[in-house]
Amino acid sequence: MTKLPICPNGQNCLIYAMSTEDRDAIEPHLKMTGLEQQQVLEIANEPIETVYFPTSGIGSMIALGGQGRKIEVGLFGRDGMSGTAIVMDTGQSPLEIVMQVGGQALAIEAERLQELMEARFSIRRTFLHYVQILATQTAQTALSNGQSKLEERLARWLLMCHDRIGGDQLELTHDFLSIMLGVRRAGVTVGTHLLEGKGLIRATRGVIRVLDRDGLEELAEASYGVPEREYERVMD
């Protein structure tokens, strides 16, 4: 299927999808900022002060369990935003949001964004559409984690990351991958070797390069594509 998101490189697709009037209202309050790999954007169960609209890079939504357990339940890049709890008017979330791939983002104070959404419902509606897409992605992640083989889950996750980067190369360690997939580091090694053996990727120290996207889609099967099609439907 077509690589998502469907907006020009260097843009945030949610801002890009707005009407001219809505962009004119929000853009004066947006500030471009750099986001480093592993930078925490939101701390679980603490008030959100800043909302980010990435123009590059990838953010991870991480669920936290007891004894230091962590697993990624969703991700976003220039297709989306952090701070969905602000959109839902709850102010905070039990999830941790961290950058898995550094990049750039348009930042806005959460309080100012809330004021803009109250003044212009069309702005909130754009973000509510994205919340539905994100909920669909989270549901498919749960299904994939529960029903798919490791190599299928890894293929799906790499496709989702590939959608959100400008090229074919991801700078990721196996330790970080283990958190993303909820498996031990040894499992990540096995999974990457399986995909390398099929000629789909090349993995070196801290770097994974996508070689065959079509092959990854075939391997991922139905675990990839549902939220991506929903994005096209809702944001078109």
Protein backbone atom coordinates (compact mmCIF):
# COMPACT_ATOMS: atom_id res chain seq x y z
CA MET A 1 0.00 0.00 0.00
CA THR A 2 1.02 3.67 -0.30
CA LYS A 3 3.56 4.79 2.24
CA LEU A 4 1.97 7.00 4.87
CA PRO A 5 1.58 9.77 5.96
CA ILE A 6 0.06 11.57 3.02
CA CYS A 7 1.55 15.07 3.29
CA PRO A 8 4.81 16.65 2.07
CA ASN A 9 8.10 15.98 3.85
CA GLY A 10 8.88 18.60 6.47
CA GLN A 11 5.22 19.15 7.28
CA ASN A 12 3.04 17.91 10.10
CA CYS A 13 0.05 16.27 8.47
CA LEU A 14 -2.50 17.37 11.07
CA ILE A 15 -1.55 21.02 10.68
CA TYR A 16 -1.34 20.54 6.90
CA ALA A 17 -4.88 19.08 6.80
CA MET A 18 -6.45 22.10 8.51
CA SER A 19 -8.40 24.79 6.75
CA THR A 20 -6.56 28.02 5.98
CA GLU A 21 -8.52 29.73 8.75
CA ASP A 22 -7.55 27.12 11.35
CA ARG A 23 -3.88 27.18 10.33
CA ASP A 24 -3.88 30.97 10.56
CA ALA A 25 -5.25 30.66 14.10
CA ILE A 26 -2.76 28.09 15.40
CA GLU A 27 0.48 28.82 13.52
CA PRO A 28 1.41 32.01 15.46
CA HIS A 29 1.56 29.86 18.62
CA LEU A 30 3.71 27.06 17.17
CA LYS A 31 7.46 27.06 17.76
CA MET A 32 9.87 24.76 15.91
CA THR A 33 12.01 22.76 18.30
CA GLY A 34 14.45 19.85 18.14
CA LEU A 35 13.60 16.54 19.80
CA GLU A 36 16.42 14.17 20.73
CA GLN A 37 16.30 10.37 20.68
CA GLN A 38 14.93 9.06 24.01
CA GLN A 39 13.71 12.53 25.01
CA VAL A 40 10.62 12.22 27.21
CA LEU A 41 7.71 14.32 25.93
CA GLU A 42 5.17 13.24 28.55
CA ILE A 43 5.65 11.72 31.99
CA ALA A 44 2.99 9.21 32.99
CA ASN A 45 0.28 10.61 35.27
CA GLU A 46 1.68 14.12 35.28
CA PRO A 47 0.05 17.21 33.73
CA ILE A 48 0.97 17.82 30.09
CA GLU A 49 2.54 21.25 29.62
CA THR A 50 3.55 21.13 25.95
CA VAL A 51 2.04 19.45 22.89
CA TYR A 52 4.27 18.48 19.96
CA PHE A 53 3.42 18.11 16.28
CA PRO A 54 6.46 16.34 14.76
CA THR A 55 7.67 17.24 11.29
CA SER A 56 10.27 14.45 11.50
CA GLY A 57 11.25 11.73 13.94
CA ILE A 58 9.10 9.13 15.73
CA GLY A 59 7.49 9.22 19.16
CA SER A 60 6.45 6.14 21.14
CA MET A 61 3.49 5.71 23.48
CA ILE A 62 4.67 3.36 26.21
CA ALA A 63 2.53 1.52 28.75
CA LEU A 64 4.23 0.98 32.10
CA GLY A 65 3.79 -2.06 34.33
CA GLY A 66 5.18 -3.29 37.61
CA GLN A 67 8.82 -4.30 38.08
CA GLY A 68 9.97 -1.98 35.30
CA ARG A 69 7.93 -3.64 32.56
CA LYS A 70 7.33 -1.52 29.46
CA ILE A 71 5.78 -2.04 26.04
CA GLU A 72 4.96 0.27 23.16
CA VAL A 73 1.23 0.57 22.48
CA GLY A 74 1.36 3.17 19.72
CA LEU A 75 3.64 5.46 17.75
CA PHE A 76 3.43 8.68 15.80
CA GLY A 77 5.54 10.95 13.65
CA ARG A 78 4.62 13.71 11.25
CA ASP A 79 1.26 11.98 10.85
CA GLY A 80 0.21 12.96 14.35
CA MET A 81 0.84 14.61 17.69
CA SER A 82 1.55 14.12 21.36
CA GLY A 83 -0.85 15.45 23.99
CA THR A 84 -4.04 13.65 22.95
CA ALA A 85 -5.14 13.91 26.61
CA ILE A 86 -5.37 17.67 26.00
CA VAL A 87 -7.65 17.03 23.02
CA MET A 88 -9.83 14.83 25.26
CA ASP A 89 -9.76 17.50 28.01
CA THR A 90 -8.27 15.17 30.64
CA GLY A 91 -4.92 16.91 31.05
CA GLN A 92 -2.71 13.86 31.58
CA SER A 93 -2.27 10.22 30.64
CA PRO A 94 -0.97 7.02 32.28
CA LEU A 95 1.32 6.51 29.28
CA GLU A 96 4.89 7.70 28.86
CA ILE A 97 5.70 9.43 25.57
CA VAL A 98 9.32 9.22 24.44
CA MET A 99 11.12 9.90 21.17
CA GLN A 100 12.45 6.67 19.65
CA VAL A 101 13.89 8.54 16.65
CA GLY A 102 14.97 12.15 17.08
CA GLY A 103 13.61 14.88 14.85
CA GLN A 104 11.90 18.26 14.71
CA ALA A 105 8.47 19.32 15.94
CA LEU A 106 6.14 22.27 16.17
CA ALA A 107 5.51 22.87 19.87
CA ILE A 108 2.63 24.69 21.56
CA GLU A 109 1.75 25.28 25.19
CA ALA A 110 -1.01 22.87 26.23
CA GLU A 111 -3.01 25.67 27.83
CA ARG A 112 -2.90 27.75 24.64
CA LEU A 113 -3.94 24.75 22.51
CA GLN A 114 -6.90 24.18 24.83
CA GLU A 115 -7.96 27.79 24.38
CA LEU A 116 -7.73 27.49 20.59
CA MET A 117 -9.82 24.31 20.58
CA GLU A 118 -12.46 25.99 22.73
CA ALA A 119 -12.55 28.99 20.40
CA ARG A 120 -12.61 26.95 17.17
CA PHE A 121 -14.28 23.53 17.30
CA SER A 122 -12.99 22.77 13.80
CA ILE A 123 -9.45 22.62 15.26
CA ARG A 124 -10.54 20.17 17.96
CA ARG A 125 -12.42 18.12 15.33
CA THR A 126 -9.23 17.62 13.31
CA PHE A 127 -7.48 16.33 16.42
CA LEU A 128 -10.45 14.16 17.43
CA HIS A 129 -10.25 12.47 14.04
CA TYR A 130 -6.62 11.70 14.80
CA VAL A 131 -7.53 10.29 18.23
CA GLN A 132 -9.81 7.79 16.47
CA ILE A 133 -6.97 6.77 14.15
CA LEU A 134 -4.63 6.37 17.12
CA ALA A 135 -7.20 4.25 18.97
CA THR A 136 -7.44 2.01 15.89
CA GLN A 137 -3.65 1.70 15.80
CA THR A 138 -3.54 0.78 19.50
CA ALA A 139 -6.22 -1.87 19.02
CA GLN A 140 -4.29 -3.40 16.11
CA THR A 141 -1.11 -3.35 18.19
CA ALA A 142 -2.87 -5.35 20.90
CA LEU A 143 -4.13 -7.83 18.31
CA SER A 144 -0.69 -8.15 16.74
CA ASN A 145 1.03 -8.60 20.10
CA GLY A 146 -1.43 -11.31 21.06
CA GLN A 147 -1.83 -13.21 17.81
CA SER A 148 1.10 -12.59 15.45
CA LYS A 149 4.48 -14.32 15.28
CA LEU A 150 7.52 -12.27 16.30
CA GLU A 151 8.74 -11.81 12.73
CA GLU A 152 5.29 -10.57 11.66
CA ARG A 153 5.19 -8.11 14.57
CA LEU A 154 8.68 -6.87 13.75
CA ALA A 155 7.76 -6.46 10.07
CA ARG A 156 4.65 -4.46 11.02
CA TRP A 157 6.57 -2.25 13.39
CA LEU A 158 9.31 -1.56 10.84
CA LEU A 159 6.67 -0.65 8.25
CA MET A 160 5.05 1.78 10.67
CA CYS A 161 8.44 3.38 11.35
CA HIS A 162 9.28 3.41 7.62
CA ASP A 163 6.05 5.33 6.99
CA ARG A 164 7.26 8.09 9.29
CA ILE A 165 10.89 8.61 8.23
CA GLY A 166 12.26 10.30 5.15
CA GLY A 167 14.50 7.45 3.99
CA ASP A 168 15.07 3.77 4.58
CA GLN A 169 17.39 3.84 7.61
CA LEU A 170 16.37 3.62 11.27
CA GLU A 171 18.85 4.27 14.07
CA LEU A 172 17.65 1.89 16.80
CA THR A 173 19.32 -0.31 19.37
CA HIS A 174 18.17 -3.85 20.17
CA ASP A 175 17.52 -2.74 23.75
CA PHE A 176 15.04 -0.13 22.55
CA LEU A 177 13.49 -2.60 20.10
CA SER A 178 12.90 -5.03 22.96
CA ILE A 179 10.78 -2.39 24.73
CA MET A 180 8.90 -1.60 21.55
CA LEU A 181 8.01 -5.23 20.92
CA GLY A 182 7.74 -6.41 24.51
CA VAL A 183 10.28 -9.23 24.08
CA ARG A 184 13.73 -9.99 25.44
CA ARG A 185 16.76 -8.61 23.62
CA ALA A 186 17.58 -12.13 22.41
CA GLY A 187 14.16 -12.29 20.76
CA VAL A 188 14.89 -9.09 18.85
CA THR A 189 18.13 -10.61 17.59
CA VAL A 190 16.29 -13.71 16.37
CA GLY A 191 13.63 -11.58 14.67
CA THR A 192 16.09 -9.34 12.86
CA HIS A 193 18.11 -12.35 11.70
CA LEU A 194 14.95 -13.91 10.26
CA LEU A 195 14.13 -10.73 8.32
CA GLU A 196 17.74 -10.38 7.17
CA GLY A 197 17.69 -13.98 5.95
CA LYS A 198 14.69 -13.14 3.76
CA GLY A 199 16.52 -10.11 2.33
CA LEU A 200 14.00 -7.66 3.79
CA ILE A 201 16.34 -5.62 6.00
CA ARG A 202 19.99 -5.13 6.84
CA ALA A 203 20.78 -4.79 10.54
CA THR A 204 24.09 -3.42 11.82
CA ARG A 205 25.01 -2.03 15.22
CA GLY A 206 22.28 0.44 16.13
CA VAL A 207 20.96 0.72 12.56
CA ILE A 208 18.27 -1.10 10.56
CA ARG A 209 17.90 -0.41 6.84
CA VAL A 210 14.72 -1.38 4.98
CA LEU A 211 15.64 -3.18 1.75
CA ASP A 212 12.32 -4.65 0.60
CA ARG A 213 9.16 -2.83 1.73
CA ASP A 214 6.84 -5.00 -0.36
CA GLY A 215 8.37 -8.08 1.24
CA LEU A 216 7.80 -6.64 4.71
CA GLU A 217 4.15 -5.97 3.87
CA GLU A 218 3.74 -9.54 2.65
CA LEU A 219 5.32 -10.90 5.85
CA ALA A 220 3.27 -8.63 8.13
CA GLU A 221 0.06 -9.78 6.42
CA ALA A 222 -3.13 -8.33 7.94
CA SER A 223 -1.33 -7.01 11.04
CA TYR A 224 -0.36 -3.95 8.99
CA GLY A 225 -2.78 -1.74 7.08
CA VAL A 226 -5.95 -1.27 9.13
CA PRO A 227 -5.02 2.00 10.92
CA GLU A 228 -3.16 3.14 7.80
CA ARG A 229 -6.33 2.80 5.71
CA GLU A 230 -8.30 4.49 8.47
CA TYR A 231 -5.85 7.41 8.32
CA GLU A 232 -6.45 7.79 4.60
CA ARG A 233 -10.23 7.59 5.09
CA VAL A 234 -10.52 10.00 7.99
CA MET A 235 -7.90 12.56 6.97
CA ASP A 236 -8.73 12.64 3.25
